[in-house]
Amino acid sequence: MGNKVLDATALTIAIVGALNWALIGVFRFDLVAFIFGDMSWLSRIVYIVVGLCGVYLLSFYMRLSRDGE
């Protein structure tokens, strides 16, 4: 059960990060920088957490290949 909570949390954070990238691409509006400041220590932590969630979600590919066998 603990893994499901971690998976859902990581997926939610990665989706929020993806939406932020969409805002940057379409409107040139960085929501994280708007809320926490342009490259403040807090915004850098947010970017790092989103990146770590993306790296963690790479494990989904391994689980998919394992389930397909």
N, C-alpha and C. Protein backbone atom coordinates (compact mmCIF):
# COMPACT_ATOMS: atom_id res chain seq x y z
N MET A 1 0.82 -1.20 0.00
CA MET A 1 0.00 0.00 0.00
C MET A 1 0.86 1.26 0.00
N GLY A 2 1.98 1.24 0.72
CA GLY A 2 2.85 2.39 0.77
C GLY A 2 3.37 2.78 -0.58
N ASN A 3 3.61 1.79 -1.44
CA ASN A 3 4.10 2.06 -2.79
C ASN A 3 3.05 2.78 -3.62
N LYS A 4 1.78 2.45 -3.42
CA LYS A 4 0.70 3.11 -4.18
C LYS A 4 0.62 4.59 -3.82
N VAL A 5 0.80 4.90 -2.54
CA VAL A 5 0.76 6.30 -2.11
C VAL A 5 1.93 7.06 -2.71
N LEU A 6 3.11 6.48 -2.68
CA LEU A 6 4.29 7.11 -3.27
C LEU A 6 4.12 7.27 -4.78
N ASP A 7 3.59 6.25 -5.44
CA ASP A 7 3.34 6.33 -6.88
C ASP A 7 2.36 7.45 -7.22
N ALA A 8 1.27 7.53 -6.48
CA ALA A 8 0.26 8.55 -6.74
C ALA A 8 0.80 9.94 -6.47
N THR A 9 1.58 10.09 -5.41
CA THR A 9 2.17 11.39 -5.08
C THR A 9 3.15 11.82 -6.15
N ALA A 10 4.02 10.91 -6.56
CA ALA A 10 5.00 11.23 -7.60
C ALA A 10 4.32 11.56 -8.92
N LEU A 11 3.29 10.82 -9.25
CA LEU A 11 2.56 11.07 -10.49
C LEU A 11 1.86 12.43 -10.45
N THR A 12 1.27 12.77 -9.33
CA THR A 12 0.60 14.07 -9.19
C THR A 12 1.60 15.21 -9.33
N ILE A 13 2.74 15.10 -8.67
CA ILE A 13 3.76 16.15 -8.75
C ILE A 13 4.30 16.26 -10.17
N ALA A 14 4.51 15.14 -10.84
CA ALA A 14 4.99 15.17 -12.22
C ALA A 14 3.96 15.81 -13.16
N ILE A 15 2.69 15.56 -12.92
CA ILE A 15 1.64 16.16 -13.74
C ILE A 15 1.61 17.67 -13.53
N VAL A 16 1.73 18.11 -12.29
CA VAL A 16 1.79 19.55 -12.01
C VAL A 16 2.99 20.18 -12.69
N GLY A 17 4.13 19.48 -12.66
CA GLY A 17 5.32 19.96 -13.36
C GLY A 17 5.11 20.04 -14.86
N ALA A 18 4.43 19.06 -15.41
CA ALA A 18 4.15 19.07 -16.85
C ALA A 18 3.21 20.22 -17.21
N LEU A 19 2.23 20.49 -16.37
CA LEU A 19 1.34 21.62 -16.61
C LEU A 19 2.09 22.95 -16.54
N ASN A 20 3.06 23.04 -15.62
CA ASN A 20 3.88 24.23 -15.55
C ASN A 20 4.68 24.42 -16.83
N TRP A 21 5.22 23.32 -17.37
CA TRP A 21 5.95 23.41 -18.64
C TRP A 21 5.02 23.82 -19.78
N ALA A 22 3.79 23.36 -19.75
CA ALA A 22 2.82 23.78 -20.77
C ALA A 22 2.55 25.28 -20.69
N LEU A 23 2.43 25.80 -19.46
CA LEU A 23 2.24 27.23 -19.27
C LEU A 23 3.44 28.02 -19.79
N ILE A 24 4.63 27.50 -19.54
CA ILE A 24 5.84 28.16 -20.02
C ILE A 24 5.86 28.16 -21.54
N GLY A 25 5.54 27.04 -22.14
CA GLY A 25 5.60 26.92 -23.59
C GLY A 25 4.55 27.74 -24.31
N VAL A 26 3.36 27.80 -23.77
CA VAL A 26 2.26 28.48 -24.46
C VAL A 26 2.21 29.97 -24.12
N PHE A 27 2.35 30.29 -22.83
CA PHE A 27 2.14 31.67 -22.39
C PHE A 27 3.40 32.36 -21.87
N ARG A 28 4.52 31.65 -21.85
CA ARG A 28 5.76 32.17 -21.26
C ARG A 28 5.53 32.60 -19.81
N PHE A 29 4.75 31.79 -19.10
CA PHE A 29 4.41 32.07 -17.70
C PHE A 29 4.86 30.90 -16.84
N ASP A 30 5.82 31.14 -15.97
CA ASP A 30 6.34 30.11 -15.07
C ASP A 30 5.63 30.24 -13.73
N LEU A 31 4.70 29.33 -13.46
CA LEU A 31 3.89 29.39 -12.25
C LEU A 31 4.74 29.24 -11.00
N VAL A 32 5.74 28.37 -11.04
CA VAL A 32 6.60 28.16 -9.87
C VAL A 32 7.36 29.46 -9.55
N ALA A 33 7.92 30.08 -10.56
CA ALA A 33 8.64 31.34 -10.35
C ALA A 33 7.69 32.44 -9.88
N PHE A 34 6.47 32.42 -10.38
CA PHE A 34 5.48 33.41 -9.97
C PHE A 34 5.13 33.27 -8.49
N ILE A 35 4.98 32.03 -8.04
CA ILE A 35 4.59 31.78 -6.65
C ILE A 35 5.76 31.92 -5.69
N PHE A 36 6.92 31.32 -6.04
CA PHE A 36 8.04 31.24 -5.09
C PHE A 36 9.19 32.18 -5.39
N GLY A 37 9.15 32.89 -6.50
CA GLY A 37 10.25 33.78 -6.86
C GLY A 37 11.12 33.15 -7.92
N ASP A 38 11.76 34.02 -8.69
CA ASP A 38 12.60 33.56 -9.80
C ASP A 38 13.89 32.96 -9.27
N MET A 39 14.00 31.65 -9.33
CA MET A 39 15.14 30.87 -8.89
C MET A 39 15.53 31.13 -7.43
N SER A 40 14.52 31.32 -6.59
CA SER A 40 14.76 31.39 -5.15
C SER A 40 15.08 29.98 -4.66
N TRP A 41 15.54 29.86 -3.44
CA TRP A 41 15.87 28.53 -2.93
C TRP A 41 14.62 27.65 -2.88
N LEU A 42 13.46 28.26 -2.62
CA LEU A 42 12.23 27.48 -2.56
C LEU A 42 11.80 26.99 -3.95
N SER A 43 11.91 27.85 -4.95
CA SER A 43 11.55 27.42 -6.30
C SER A 43 12.52 26.36 -6.80
N ARG A 44 13.78 26.45 -6.43
CA ARG A 44 14.76 25.43 -6.82
C ARG A 44 14.42 24.09 -6.20
N ILE A 45 13.96 24.11 -4.95
CA ILE A 45 13.54 22.87 -4.30
C ILE A 45 12.35 22.26 -5.03
N VAL A 46 11.39 23.10 -5.45
CA VAL A 46 10.24 22.60 -6.19
C VAL A 46 10.70 21.95 -7.49
N TYR A 47 11.59 22.61 -8.23
CA TYR A 47 12.10 22.04 -9.48
C TYR A 47 12.83 20.71 -9.23
N ILE A 48 13.59 20.64 -8.15
CA ILE A 48 14.32 19.41 -7.82
C ILE A 48 13.34 18.29 -7.49
N VAL A 49 12.30 18.58 -6.71
CA VAL A 49 11.31 17.56 -6.34
C VAL A 49 10.58 17.06 -7.59
N VAL A 50 10.21 17.96 -8.49
CA VAL A 50 9.55 17.54 -9.73
C VAL A 50 10.48 16.65 -10.54
N GLY A 51 11.74 17.02 -10.63
CA GLY A 51 12.71 16.20 -11.36
C GLY A 51 12.90 14.83 -10.73
N LEU A 52 12.99 14.79 -9.41
CA LEU A 52 13.14 13.50 -8.73
C LEU A 52 11.91 12.61 -8.93
N CYS A 53 10.73 13.22 -8.95
CA CYS A 53 9.52 12.44 -9.22
C CYS A 53 9.55 11.87 -10.63
N GLY A 54 10.04 12.65 -11.58
CA GLY A 54 10.17 12.14 -12.94
C GLY A 54 11.12 10.96 -13.02
N VAL A 55 12.24 11.07 -12.31
CA VAL A 55 13.21 9.96 -12.30
C VAL A 55 12.59 8.74 -11.63
N TYR A 56 11.88 8.94 -10.52
CA TYR A 56 11.21 7.84 -9.84
C TYR A 56 10.20 7.16 -10.76
N LEU A 57 9.47 7.95 -11.54
CA LEU A 57 8.44 7.40 -12.42
C LEU A 57 9.04 6.58 -13.56
N LEU A 58 10.32 6.68 -13.80
CA LEU A 58 10.96 5.80 -14.78
C LEU A 58 10.81 4.34 -14.38
N SER A 59 10.65 4.09 -13.08
CA SER A 59 10.46 2.71 -12.61
C SER A 59 9.16 2.12 -13.13
N PHE A 60 8.21 2.96 -13.55
CA PHE A 60 6.97 2.44 -14.13
C PHE A 60 7.25 1.61 -15.37
N TYR A 61 8.22 2.01 -16.17
CA TYR A 61 8.56 1.25 -17.37
C TYR A 61 9.03 -0.16 -17.01
N MET A 62 9.82 -0.27 -15.95
CA MET A 62 10.29 -1.59 -15.53
C MET A 62 9.13 -2.44 -15.04
N ARG A 63 8.19 -1.80 -14.33
CA ARG A 63 7.03 -2.55 -13.83
C ARG A 63 6.13 -2.98 -14.99
N LEU A 64 5.99 -2.14 -15.99
CA LEU A 64 5.17 -2.49 -17.15
C LEU A 64 5.76 -3.68 -17.89
N SER A 65 7.06 -3.69 -18.06
CA SER A 65 7.68 -4.82 -18.78
C SER A 65 7.59 -6.09 -17.94
N ARG A 66 7.67 -5.96 -16.64
CA ARG A 66 7.56 -7.13 -15.76
C ARG A 66 6.15 -7.68 -15.77
N ASP A 67 5.14 -6.80 -15.79
CA ASP A 67 3.75 -7.25 -15.80
C ASP A 67 3.36 -7.87 -17.14
N GLY A 68 4.03 -7.44 -18.23
CA GLY A 68 3.70 -7.95 -19.55
C GLY A 68 4.24 -9.34 -19.83
N GLU A 69 5.13 -9.82 -18.99
CA GLU A 69 5.73 -11.15 -19.24
C GLU A 69 4.83 -12.26 -18.81
